[in-house]
């Protein structure tokens, strides 16, 4: 009785696999695979799925490269602004300390005024650093959204002709452990995106 149950379960499992392959098979595609089940061989079409390696796409997509370079430039400009103001403040504080040690201030009130001015300048510099950091985060988010929107809009257009049921994004082989090379459409998508971007410039 146990053996009969195992045999029935095995037959049902094989039937489910065959149905799955037949349902997902793309008959319009000429690339074929052969599935061997026991003595029978079932020919199926290429599965209607594909994947794009996002790391490679971002590395070679001109819009992504230019967005990244623009962001790096903004980061460098912010850092330069903060460093320049910080050096100026440091010089003023050193001068204040030198004057204080040599009793160069005419009155105690004048020394306290200068100290207050320097403390305010330090607070303003910290606030500016925070503001610039927030602005950079906002710019980065906006660029990421633009990039994502550009790719998503393109993929919808691209798939009108290719008729995939699913296009997966893969980052550093995180999502796909193994896939046949024919399912990788990264190079084609990157080229078409670059062509479209160049045409818009």
N, C-alpha and C. Protein backbone atom coordinates (compact mmCIF):
# COMPACT_ATOMS: atom_id res chain seq x y z
N UNK A 1 0.83 -1.19 0.00
CA UNK A 1 0.00 0.00 0.00
C UNK A 1 0.88 1.26 0.00
N UNK A 2 1.97 1.22 0.82
CA UNK A 2 2.88 2.36 0.89
C UNK A 2 3.52 2.61 -0.46
N UNK A 3 3.96 1.55 -1.13
CA UNK A 3 4.60 1.67 -2.44
C UNK A 3 3.65 2.27 -3.46
N UNK A 4 2.42 1.86 -3.44
CA UNK A 4 1.42 2.38 -4.37
C UNK A 4 1.22 3.89 -4.17
N UNK A 5 1.18 4.31 -2.90
CA UNK A 5 1.03 5.73 -2.57
C UNK A 5 2.23 6.53 -3.07
N UNK A 6 3.44 6.00 -2.91
CA UNK A 6 4.65 6.66 -3.38
C UNK A 6 4.65 6.79 -4.91
N UNK A 7 4.24 5.72 -5.59
CA UNK A 7 4.20 5.73 -7.05
C UNK A 7 3.20 6.77 -7.55
N UNK A 8 2.02 6.84 -6.93
CA UNK A 8 1.00 7.80 -7.33
C UNK A 8 1.51 9.23 -7.10
N UNK A 9 2.15 9.47 -5.95
CA UNK A 9 2.71 10.81 -5.65
C UNK A 9 3.78 11.18 -6.66
N UNK A 10 4.63 10.23 -7.06
CA UNK A 10 5.69 10.50 -8.03
C UNK A 10 5.08 10.85 -9.39
N UNK A 11 4.06 10.10 -9.80
CA UNK A 11 3.39 10.37 -11.09
C UNK A 11 2.73 11.75 -11.07
N UNK A 12 2.08 12.08 -9.95
CA UNK A 12 1.46 13.40 -9.83
C UNK A 12 2.51 14.51 -9.88
N UNK A 13 3.63 14.32 -9.21
CA UNK A 13 4.70 15.32 -9.21
C UNK A 13 5.23 15.54 -10.62
N UNK A 14 5.44 14.43 -11.36
CA UNK A 14 5.93 14.53 -12.74
C UNK A 14 4.90 15.25 -13.61
N UNK A 15 3.63 14.94 -13.40
CA UNK A 15 2.58 15.59 -14.17
C UNK A 15 2.54 17.09 -13.92
N UNK A 16 2.74 17.50 -12.67
CA UNK A 16 2.75 18.92 -12.32
C UNK A 16 3.93 19.62 -12.99
N UNK A 17 5.11 18.98 -12.97
CA UNK A 17 6.30 19.56 -13.61
C UNK A 17 6.05 19.73 -15.11
N UNK A 18 5.51 18.69 -15.75
CA UNK A 18 5.24 18.75 -17.19
C UNK A 18 4.25 19.88 -17.49
N UNK A 19 3.17 19.98 -16.71
CA UNK A 19 2.19 21.04 -16.93
C UNK A 19 2.82 22.42 -16.74
N UNK A 20 3.62 22.55 -15.70
CA UNK A 20 4.30 23.83 -15.43
C UNK A 20 5.15 24.25 -16.62
N UNK A 21 5.94 23.31 -17.13
CA UNK A 21 6.83 23.61 -18.26
C UNK A 21 6.02 23.94 -19.51
N UNK A 22 4.95 23.19 -19.75
CA UNK A 22 4.14 23.43 -20.94
C UNK A 22 3.40 24.76 -20.87
N UNK A 23 2.89 25.12 -19.70
CA UNK A 23 2.15 26.36 -19.54
C UNK A 23 3.07 27.55 -19.71
N UNK A 24 4.26 27.48 -19.13
CA UNK A 24 5.19 28.61 -19.20
C UNK A 24 5.99 28.63 -20.49
N UNK A 25 5.92 27.58 -21.28
CA UNK A 25 6.68 27.54 -22.53
C UNK A 25 6.20 28.59 -23.50
N UNK A 26 7.13 29.26 -24.17
CA UNK A 26 6.78 30.30 -25.13
C UNK A 26 6.88 29.69 -26.52
N UNK A 27 5.74 29.38 -27.13
CA UNK A 27 5.74 28.66 -28.40
C UNK A 27 6.26 29.51 -29.55
N UNK A 28 6.21 30.85 -29.38
CA UNK A 28 6.67 31.71 -30.47
C UNK A 28 8.19 31.77 -30.54
N UNK A 29 8.86 31.31 -29.51
CA UNK A 29 10.32 31.37 -29.47
C UNK A 29 10.89 30.08 -30.03
N UNK A 30 11.93 30.19 -30.85
CA UNK A 30 12.47 29.00 -31.51
C UNK A 30 13.43 28.22 -30.63
N UNK A 31 14.00 28.88 -29.61
CA UNK A 31 14.92 28.16 -28.73
C UNK A 31 14.13 27.11 -27.95
N UNK A 32 14.57 25.87 -27.93
CA UNK A 32 13.83 24.80 -27.26
C UNK A 32 14.70 24.09 -26.24
N UNK A 33 14.02 23.49 -25.28
CA UNK A 33 14.67 22.67 -24.27
C UNK A 33 14.00 21.31 -24.30
N UNK A 34 14.73 20.29 -23.87
CA UNK A 34 14.12 18.96 -23.78
C UNK A 34 14.09 18.53 -22.33
N UNK A 35 12.94 18.11 -21.89
CA UNK A 35 12.75 17.63 -20.54
C UNK A 35 12.56 16.12 -20.63
N UNK A 36 13.44 15.38 -19.97
CA UNK A 36 13.35 13.92 -20.01
C UNK A 36 12.71 13.44 -18.72
N UNK A 37 11.58 12.73 -18.87
CA UNK A 37 10.88 12.17 -17.72
C UNK A 37 10.74 10.68 -17.97
N UNK A 38 11.48 9.91 -17.21
CA UNK A 38 11.49 8.46 -17.43
C UNK A 38 11.94 8.15 -18.84
N UNK A 39 11.10 7.46 -19.60
CA UNK A 39 11.44 7.12 -20.99
C UNK A 39 10.93 8.17 -21.96
N UNK A 40 10.05 9.08 -21.49
CA UNK A 40 9.45 10.08 -22.38
C UNK A 40 10.28 11.35 -22.42
N UNK A 41 10.29 12.01 -23.57
CA UNK A 41 10.97 13.30 -23.74
C UNK A 41 9.93 14.33 -24.16
N UNK A 42 9.87 15.42 -23.41
CA UNK A 42 8.91 16.48 -23.72
C UNK A 42 9.71 17.69 -24.21
N UNK A 43 9.38 18.21 -25.40
CA UNK A 43 10.06 19.41 -25.92
C UNK A 43 9.26 20.63 -25.52
N UNK A 44 9.94 21.58 -24.92
CA UNK A 44 9.26 22.78 -24.47
C UNK A 44 9.95 24.01 -25.06
N UNK A 45 9.24 25.12 -25.10
CA UNK A 45 9.83 26.38 -25.58
C UNK A 45 10.62 27.05 -24.48
N UNK A 46 11.32 28.09 -24.86
CA UNK A 46 12.08 28.89 -23.89
C UNK A 46 11.10 29.53 -22.92
N UNK A 47 11.44 29.51 -21.63
CA UNK A 47 10.56 30.10 -20.63
C UNK A 47 10.47 31.61 -20.88
N UNK A 48 9.29 32.20 -20.72
CA UNK A 48 9.12 33.62 -21.02
C UNK A 48 9.60 34.53 -19.88
N UNK A 49 10.83 34.30 -19.45
CA UNK A 49 11.41 35.13 -18.41
C UNK A 49 12.81 35.58 -18.85
N UNK A 50 13.27 36.66 -18.24
CA UNK A 50 14.62 37.16 -18.52
C UNK A 50 15.10 37.88 -17.29
N UNK A 51 16.39 38.20 -17.27
CA UNK A 51 16.91 38.99 -16.15
C UNK A 51 17.91 40.01 -16.64
N UNK A 52 18.03 41.07 -15.84
CA UNK A 52 18.98 42.15 -16.13
C UNK A 52 19.92 42.26 -14.93
N UNK A 53 21.22 42.23 -15.20
CA UNK A 53 22.21 42.41 -14.14
C UNK A 53 22.33 43.91 -13.89
N UNK A 54 21.78 44.37 -12.77
CA UNK A 54 21.70 45.80 -12.47
C UNK A 54 23.09 46.42 -12.29
N UNK A 55 24.02 45.70 -11.65
CA UNK A 55 25.37 46.23 -11.46
C UNK A 55 26.01 46.57 -12.81
N UNK A 56 25.90 45.64 -13.74
CA UNK A 56 26.47 45.85 -15.07
C UNK A 56 25.74 46.98 -15.80
N UNK A 57 24.43 47.01 -15.68
CA UNK A 57 23.64 48.05 -16.33
C UNK A 57 24.06 49.45 -15.84
N UNK A 58 24.16 49.61 -14.51
CA UNK A 58 24.52 50.91 -13.95
C UNK A 58 25.95 51.31 -14.31
N UNK A 59 26.79 50.32 -14.50
CA UNK A 59 28.18 50.58 -14.85
C UNK A 59 28.32 51.08 -16.29
N UNK A 60 27.41 50.64 -17.17
CA UNK A 60 27.54 50.96 -18.60
C UNK A 60 26.45 51.88 -19.15
N UNK A 61 25.43 52.17 -18.37
CA UNK A 61 24.35 53.04 -18.81
C UNK A 61 24.80 54.49 -18.64
N UNK A 62 24.86 55.25 -19.73
CA UNK A 62 25.43 56.60 -19.73
C UNK A 62 24.71 57.53 -18.76
N UNK A 63 23.38 57.45 -18.71
CA UNK A 63 22.62 58.30 -17.79
C UNK A 63 23.03 58.03 -16.34
N UNK A 64 23.20 56.76 -15.99
CA UNK A 64 23.60 56.39 -14.63
C UNK A 64 25.01 56.89 -14.33
N UNK A 65 25.91 56.77 -15.32
CA UNK A 65 27.29 57.23 -15.12
C UNK A 65 27.32 58.75 -14.91
N UNK A 66 26.57 59.49 -15.73
CA UNK A 66 26.55 60.94 -15.60
C UNK A 66 25.90 61.38 -14.28
N UNK A 67 24.85 60.68 -13.86
CA UNK A 67 24.19 61.00 -12.58
C UNK A 67 25.15 60.76 -11.42
N UNK A 68 25.90 59.67 -11.49
CA UNK A 68 26.86 59.35 -10.43
C UNK A 68 27.99 60.39 -10.38
N UNK A 69 28.49 60.78 -11.56
CA UNK A 69 29.55 61.80 -11.61
C UNK A 69 29.05 63.13 -11.07
N UNK A 70 27.80 63.49 -11.39
CA UNK A 70 27.21 64.73 -10.89
C UNK A 70 27.10 64.70 -9.37
N UNK A 71 26.69 63.56 -8.83
CA UNK A 71 26.55 63.41 -7.38
C UNK A 71 27.92 63.52 -6.69
N UNK A 72 28.94 62.88 -7.26
CA UNK A 72 30.29 62.95 -6.70
C UNK A 72 30.79 64.39 -6.70
N UNK A 73 30.51 65.12 -7.79
CA UNK A 73 30.92 66.54 -7.89
C UNK A 73 30.24 67.36 -6.80
N UNK A 74 28.94 67.13 -6.58
CA UNK A 74 28.22 67.86 -5.53
C UNK A 74 28.81 67.54 -4.15
N UNK A 75 29.15 66.27 -3.92
CA UNK A 75 29.76 65.87 -2.64
C UNK A 75 31.10 66.58 -2.43
N UNK A 76 31.91 66.62 -3.49
CA UNK A 76 33.22 67.28 -3.40
C UNK A 76 33.06 68.77 -3.16
N UNK A 77 32.10 69.42 -3.84
CA UNK A 77 31.86 70.86 -3.64
C UNK A 77 31.42 71.15 -2.21
N UNK A 78 30.54 70.29 -1.68
CA UNK A 78 30.06 70.46 -0.29
C UNK A 78 31.22 70.32 0.69
N UNK A 79 32.03 69.29 0.47
CA UNK A 79 33.17 69.05 1.36
C UNK A 79 34.15 70.22 1.30
N UNK A 80 34.39 70.76 0.10
CA UNK A 80 35.30 71.89 -0.06
C UNK A 80 34.77 73.13 0.67
N UNK A 81 33.45 73.39 0.54
CA UNK A 81 32.84 74.53 1.21
C UNK A 81 33.00 74.42 2.73
N UNK A 82 32.68 73.24 3.27
CA UNK A 82 32.77 73.04 4.73
C UNK A 82 34.22 73.15 5.20
N UNK A 83 35.14 72.50 4.46
CA UNK A 83 36.55 72.53 4.87
C UNK A 83 37.12 73.95 4.83
N UNK A 84 36.76 74.73 3.80
CA UNK A 84 37.24 76.12 3.69
C UNK A 84 36.75 76.95 4.86
N UNK A 85 35.45 76.85 5.17
CA UNK A 85 34.88 77.62 6.28
C UNK A 85 35.44 77.15 7.63
N UNK A 86 35.68 75.84 7.75
CA UNK A 86 36.24 75.30 8.99
C UNK A 86 37.67 75.82 9.22
N UNK A 87 38.47 75.92 8.15
CA UNK A 87 39.83 76.46 8.27
C UNK A 87 39.82 77.93 8.66
N UNK A 88 38.88 78.69 8.05
CA UNK A 88 38.76 80.11 8.41
C UNK A 88 38.40 80.28 9.89
N UNK A 89 37.45 79.46 10.34
CA UNK A 89 37.03 79.52 11.74
C UNK A 89 38.18 79.14 12.67
N UNK A 90 38.92 78.12 12.29
CA UNK A 90 40.05 77.67 13.09
C UNK A 90 41.10 78.78 13.22
N UNK A 91 41.35 79.49 12.12
CA UNK A 91 42.32 80.60 12.13
C UNK A 91 41.82 81.72 13.05
N UNK A 92 40.53 82.05 12.96
CA UNK A 92 39.97 83.10 13.81
C UNK A 92 40.01 82.71 15.28
N UNK A 93 39.75 81.43 15.58
CA UNK A 93 39.79 80.97 16.97
C UNK A 93 41.22 81.01 17.53
N UNK A 94 42.17 80.66 16.67
CA UNK A 94 43.57 80.72 17.10
C UNK A 94 43.98 82.18 17.38
N UNK A 95 43.53 83.11 16.52
CA UNK A 95 43.82 84.54 16.74
C UNK A 95 43.17 85.04 18.02
N UNK A 96 41.94 84.59 18.26
CA UNK A 96 41.23 84.98 19.48
C UNK A 96 41.99 84.50 20.71
N UNK A 97 42.41 83.23 20.67
CA UNK A 97 43.15 82.66 21.79
C UNK A 97 44.46 83.42 22.03
N UNK A 98 45.14 83.77 20.95
CA UNK A 98 46.41 84.50 21.04
C UNK A 98 46.20 85.89 21.67
N UNK A 99 45.12 86.57 21.22
CA UNK A 99 44.81 87.90 21.77
C UNK A 99 44.43 87.79 23.24
N UNK A 100 43.68 86.75 23.58
CA UNK A 100 43.24 86.55 24.96
C UNK A 100 44.45 86.34 25.88
N UNK A 101 45.39 85.52 25.43
CA UNK A 101 46.58 85.23 26.23
C UNK A 101 47.47 86.46 26.40
N UNK A 102 47.46 87.38 25.42
CA UNK A 102 48.31 88.57 25.46
C UNK A 102 47.55 89.82 25.93
N UNK A 103 46.35 89.63 26.49
CA UNK A 103 45.52 90.74 26.99
C UNK A 103 45.36 91.84 25.93
N UNK A 104 45.09 91.45 24.69
CA UNK A 104 44.99 92.40 23.58
C UNK A 104 43.60 93.04 23.48
N UNK A 105 42.63 92.52 24.22
CA UNK A 105 41.28 93.09 24.16
C UNK A 105 41.20 94.29 25.10
N UNK A 106 40.52 95.35 24.68
CA UNK A 106 40.42 96.57 25.48
C UNK A 106 39.61 96.36 26.75
N UNK A 107 38.62 95.45 26.65
CA UNK A 107 37.80 95.16 27.83
C UNK A 107 37.36 93.70 27.83
N UNK A 108 36.91 93.28 29.00
CA UNK A 108 36.42 91.91 29.14
C UNK A 108 35.18 91.70 28.27
N UNK A 109 34.32 92.74 28.21
CA UNK A 109 33.10 92.66 27.39
C UNK A 109 33.43 92.44 25.93
N UNK A 110 34.48 93.13 25.45
CA UNK A 110 34.89 92.99 24.04
C UNK A 110 35.37 91.56 23.78
N UNK A 111 36.10 90.95 24.71
CA UNK A 111 36.57 89.56 24.58
C UNK A 111 35.38 88.60 24.56
N UNK A 112 34.39 88.86 25.42
CA UNK A 112 33.20 87.99 25.47
C UNK A 112 32.38 88.11 24.18
N UNK A 113 32.31 89.33 23.64
CA UNK A 113 31.60 89.53 22.36
C UNK A 113 32.26 88.72 21.23
N UNK A 114 33.59 88.78 21.20
CA UNK A 114 34.33 88.03 20.16
C UNK A 114 34.15 86.53 20.35
N UNK A 115 34.16 86.07 21.59
CA UNK A 115 33.97 84.64 21.87
C UNK A 115 32.56 84.21 21.43
N UNK A 116 31.55 85.03 21.73
CA UNK A 116 30.17 84.73 21.32
C UNK A 116 30.04 84.67 19.79
N UNK A 117 30.72 85.63 19.13
CA UNK A 117 30.67 85.65 17.67
C UNK A 117 31.27 84.38 17.08
N UNK A 118 32.39 83.92 17.65
CA UNK A 118 33.04 82.70 17.16
C UNK A 118 32.20 81.45 17.44
N UNK A 119 31.54 81.43 18.61
CA UNK A 119 30.66 80.29 18.94
C UNK A 119 29.47 80.23 17.97
N UNK A 120 28.92 81.42 17.67
CA UNK A 120 27.80 81.48 16.70
C UNK A 120 28.25 81.01 15.33
N UNK A 121 29.45 81.43 14.94
CA UNK A 121 29.99 81.02 13.65
C UNK A 121 30.19 79.50 13.59
N UNK A 122 30.61 78.92 14.70
CA UNK A 122 30.80 77.47 14.77
C UNK A 122 29.46 76.74 14.65
N UNK A 123 28.44 77.26 15.34
CA UNK A 123 27.09 76.68 15.25
C UNK A 123 26.54 76.78 13.82
N UNK A 124 26.76 77.94 13.19
CA UNK A 124 26.31 78.14 11.81
C UNK A 124 26.99 77.14 10.86
N UNK A 125 28.28 76.90 11.12
CA UNK A 125 29.03 75.95 10.29
C UNK A 125 28.48 74.53 10.45
N UNK A 126 28.16 74.16 11.69
CA UNK A 126 27.58 72.83 11.94
C UNK A 126 26.21 72.70 11.26
N UNK A 127 25.42 73.78 11.33
CA UNK A 127 24.10 73.78 10.68
C UNK A 127 24.25 73.67 9.16
N UNK A 128 25.22 74.40 8.61
CA UNK A 128 25.47 74.33 7.16
C UNK A 128 25.89 72.92 6.75
N UNK A 129 26.74 72.30 7.55
CA UNK A 129 27.17 70.92 7.27
C UNK A 129 25.97 69.98 7.24
N UNK A 130 25.07 70.15 8.22
CA UNK A 130 23.85 69.33 8.25
C UNK A 130 22.95 69.57 7.05
N UNK A 131 22.80 70.86 6.67
CA UNK A 131 21.95 71.23 5.52
C UNK A 131 22.52 70.64 4.22
N UNK A 132 23.84 70.77 4.04
CA UNK A 132 24.47 70.24 2.83
C UNK A 132 24.33 68.72 2.76
N UNK A 133 24.47 68.06 3.90
CA UNK A 133 24.31 66.59 3.93
C UNK A 133 22.89 66.20 3.55
N UNK A 134 21.89 66.94 4.09
CA UNK A 134 20.48 66.66 3.73
C UNK A 134 20.23 66.88 2.25
N UNK A 135 20.78 67.97 1.72
CA UNK A 135 20.62 68.27 0.29
C UNK A 135 21.21 67.16 -0.57
N UNK A 136 22.38 66.64 -0.17
CA UNK A 136 23.01 65.55 -0.92
C UNK A 136 22.15 64.30 -0.90
N UNK A 137 21.57 63.99 0.26
CA UNK A 137 20.68 62.82 0.37
C UNK A 137 19.48 62.99 -0.55
N UNK A 138 18.91 64.22 -0.57
CA UNK A 138 17.75 64.49 -1.43
C UNK A 138 18.11 64.38 -2.91
N UNK A 139 19.28 64.91 -3.27
CA UNK A 139 19.73 64.81 -4.67
C UNK A 139 19.93 63.35 -5.05
N UNK A 140 20.53 62.57 -4.15
CA UNK A 140 20.77 61.15 -4.42
C UNK A 140 19.45 60.40 -4.59
N UNK A 141 18.48 60.70 -3.72
CA UNK A 141 17.17 60.04 -3.82
C UNK A 141 16.48 60.41 -5.13
N UNK A 142 16.56 61.70 -5.50
CA UNK A 142 15.93 62.15 -6.75
C UNK A 142 16.56 61.46 -7.95
N UNK A 143 17.90 61.37 -7.96
CA UNK A 143 18.59 60.71 -9.07
C UNK A 143 18.23 59.23 -9.13
N UNK A 144 18.15 58.59 -7.97
CA UNK A 144 17.78 57.16 -7.93
C UNK A 144 16.38 56.95 -8.48
N UNK A 145 15.46 57.86 -8.10
CA UNK A 145 14.08 57.76 -8.61
C UNK A 145 14.03 57.97 -10.12
N UNK A 146 14.77 58.98 -10.61
CA UNK A 146 14.81 59.23 -12.05
C UNK A 146 15.36 58.02 -12.79
N UNK A 147 16.42 57.44 -12.26
CA UNK A 147 17.04 56.28 -12.88
C UNK A 147 16.07 55.09 -12.89
N UNK A 148 15.43 54.85 -11.74
CA UNK A 148 14.47 53.75 -11.65
C UNK A 148 13.30 53.96 -12.59
N UNK A 149 12.77 55.21 -12.63
CA UNK A 149 11.64 55.52 -13.52
C UNK A 149 12.03 55.33 -14.98
N UNK A 150 13.24 55.79 -15.33
CA UNK A 150 13.72 55.65 -16.71
C UNK A 150 13.80 54.19 -17.11
N UNK A 151 14.39 53.38 -16.23
CA UNK A 151 14.55 51.95 -16.55
C UNK A 151 13.20 51.26 -16.59
N UNK A 152 12.33 51.54 -15.62
CA UNK A 152 11.00 50.89 -15.59
C UNK A 152 10.17 51.25 -16.81
N UNK A 153 10.19 52.54 -17.19
CA UNK A 153 9.43 52.96 -18.38
C UNK A 153 9.98 52.29 -19.62
N UNK A 154 11.31 52.22 -19.71
CA UNK A 154 11.92 51.56 -20.87
C UNK A 154 11.55 50.08 -20.91
N UNK A 155 11.60 49.40 -19.77
CA UNK A 155 11.32 47.95 -19.75
C UNK A 155 9.89 47.65 -20.21
N UNK A 156 8.95 48.52 -19.85
CA UNK A 156 7.56 48.32 -20.31
C UNK A 156 7.50 48.41 -21.83
N UNK A 157 8.17 49.43 -22.37
CA UNK A 157 8.20 49.61 -23.83
C UNK A 157 8.92 48.45 -24.50
N UNK A 158 10.04 48.07 -23.95
CA UNK A 158 10.87 46.97 -24.48
C UNK A 158 10.08 45.66 -24.53
N UNK A 159 9.29 45.43 -23.49
CA UNK A 159 8.59 44.15 -23.38
C UNK A 159 7.36 44.06 -24.28
N UNK A 160 6.95 45.17 -24.88
CA UNK A 160 5.82 45.10 -25.82
C UNK A 160 6.16 44.20 -27.00
N UNK A 161 7.44 44.22 -27.40
CA UNK A 161 7.88 43.37 -28.52
C UNK A 161 8.37 42.01 -28.06
N UNK A 162 8.93 41.94 -26.86
CA UNK A 162 9.57 40.69 -26.43
C UNK A 162 8.64 39.75 -25.67
N UNK A 163 7.56 40.27 -25.12
CA UNK A 163 6.50 39.45 -24.50
C UNK A 163 6.98 38.55 -23.37
N UNK A 164 7.87 39.05 -22.53
CA UNK A 164 8.28 38.26 -21.35
C UNK A 164 7.17 38.33 -20.31
N UNK A 165 7.01 37.24 -19.57
CA UNK A 165 6.06 37.23 -18.45
C UNK A 165 6.69 37.87 -17.22
N UNK A 166 8.02 37.77 -17.15
CA UNK A 166 8.72 38.29 -15.98
C UNK A 166 10.14 38.70 -16.37
N UNK A 167 10.56 39.88 -15.93
CA UNK A 167 11.95 40.31 -16.09
C UNK A 167 12.46 40.62 -14.69
N UNK A 168 13.49 39.89 -14.31
CA UNK A 168 14.02 39.97 -12.94
C UNK A 168 15.26 40.85 -12.93
N UNK A 169 15.43 41.62 -11.85
CA UNK A 169 16.69 42.36 -11.68
C UNK A 169 17.61 41.52 -10.80
N UNK A 170 18.86 41.50 -11.16
CA UNK A 170 19.84 40.71 -10.41
C UNK A 170 21.00 41.62 -10.03
N UNK A 171 21.34 41.65 -8.76
CA UNK A 171 22.44 42.47 -8.27
C UNK A 171 23.51 41.58 -7.67
N UNK A 172 24.68 41.58 -8.27
CA UNK A 172 25.83 40.80 -7.79
C UNK A 172 25.43 39.36 -7.48
N UNK A 173 24.63 38.77 -8.36
CA UNK A 173 24.17 37.38 -8.22
C UNK A 173 23.41 37.13 -6.92
N UNK A 174 22.75 38.17 -6.39
CA UNK A 174 21.98 38.01 -5.15
C UNK A 174 20.68 37.24 -5.38
N UNK A 175 20.01 37.51 -6.49
CA UNK A 175 18.69 36.93 -6.70
C UNK A 175 18.71 35.65 -7.53
N UNK A 176 19.70 35.54 -8.42
CA UNK A 176 19.76 34.39 -9.31
C UNK A 176 21.03 33.61 -9.03
N UNK A 177 20.88 32.40 -8.57
CA UNK A 177 22.07 31.57 -8.30
C UNK A 177 22.61 30.96 -9.59
N UNK A 178 21.71 30.63 -10.51
CA UNK A 178 22.14 30.10 -11.80
C UNK A 178 21.05 30.37 -12.84
N UNK A 179 21.48 30.75 -14.03
CA UNK A 179 20.55 30.91 -15.14
C UNK A 179 21.32 30.74 -16.44
N UNK A 180 20.66 30.18 -17.44
CA UNK A 180 21.28 30.05 -18.76
C UNK A 180 21.55 31.45 -19.31
N UNK A 181 22.63 31.57 -20.06
CA UNK A 181 23.05 32.87 -20.60
C UNK A 181 21.97 33.50 -21.49
N UNK A 182 21.17 32.67 -22.16
CA UNK A 182 20.15 33.19 -23.08
C UNK A 182 19.07 34.00 -22.35
N UNK A 183 18.96 33.83 -21.02
CA UNK A 183 17.97 34.58 -20.25
C UNK A 183 18.49 35.95 -19.80
N UNK A 184 19.79 36.18 -20.00
CA UNK A 184 20.41 37.45 -19.61
C UNK A 184 20.27 38.47 -20.75
N UNK A 185 19.46 39.50 -20.52
CA UNK A 185 19.22 40.51 -21.56
C UNK A 185 19.93 41.83 -21.23
N UNK A 186 20.88 41.78 -20.30
CA UNK A 186 21.55 43.00 -19.82
C UNK A 186 22.20 43.79 -20.94
N UNK A 187 23.00 43.14 -21.78
CA UNK A 187 23.74 43.84 -22.83
C UNK A 187 22.78 44.52 -23.81
N UNK A 188 21.74 43.81 -24.20
CA UNK A 188 20.77 44.38 -25.15
C UNK A 188 20.04 45.58 -24.54
N UNK A 189 19.60 45.43 -23.29
CA UNK A 189 18.88 46.51 -22.61
C UNK A 189 19.79 47.73 -22.43
N UNK A 190 21.04 47.49 -22.04
CA UNK A 190 21.99 48.60 -21.84
C UNK A 190 22.22 49.36 -23.15
N UNK A 191 22.41 48.63 -24.22
CA UNK A 191 22.64 49.27 -25.53
C UNK A 191 21.43 50.10 -25.94
N UNK A 192 20.24 49.53 -25.81
CA UNK A 192 19.03 50.25 -26.20
C UNK A 192 18.79 51.48 -25.32
N UNK A 193 19.06 51.35 -24.02
CA UNK A 193 18.93 52.51 -23.12
C UNK A 193 19.91 53.61 -23.50
N UNK A 194 21.15 53.23 -23.81
CA UNK A 194 22.15 54.22 -24.20
C UNK A 194 21.78 54.89 -25.53
N UNK A 195 21.27 54.10 -26.48
CA UNK A 195 20.82 54.66 -27.76
C UNK A 195 19.70 55.67 -27.54
N UNK A 196 18.75 55.30 -26.68
CA UNK A 196 17.62 56.19 -26.41
C UNK A 196 18.08 57.46 -25.70
N UNK A 197 19.02 57.31 -24.75
CA UNK A 197 19.53 58.46 -23.99
C UNK A 197 20.31 59.41 -24.92
N UNK A 198 21.11 58.83 -25.82
CA UNK A 198 21.91 59.64 -26.76
C UNK A 198 20.97 60.41 -27.71
N UNK A 199 19.87 59.79 -28.10
CA UNK A 199 18.92 60.44 -29.01
C UNK A 199 18.22 61.62 -28.36
N UNK A 200 18.07 61.58 -27.03
CA UNK A 200 17.38 62.65 -26.30
C UNK A 200 18.29 63.85 -26.04
N UNK A 201 19.60 63.64 -26.11
CA UNK A 201 20.55 64.72 -25.78
C UNK A 201 20.64 65.77 -26.89
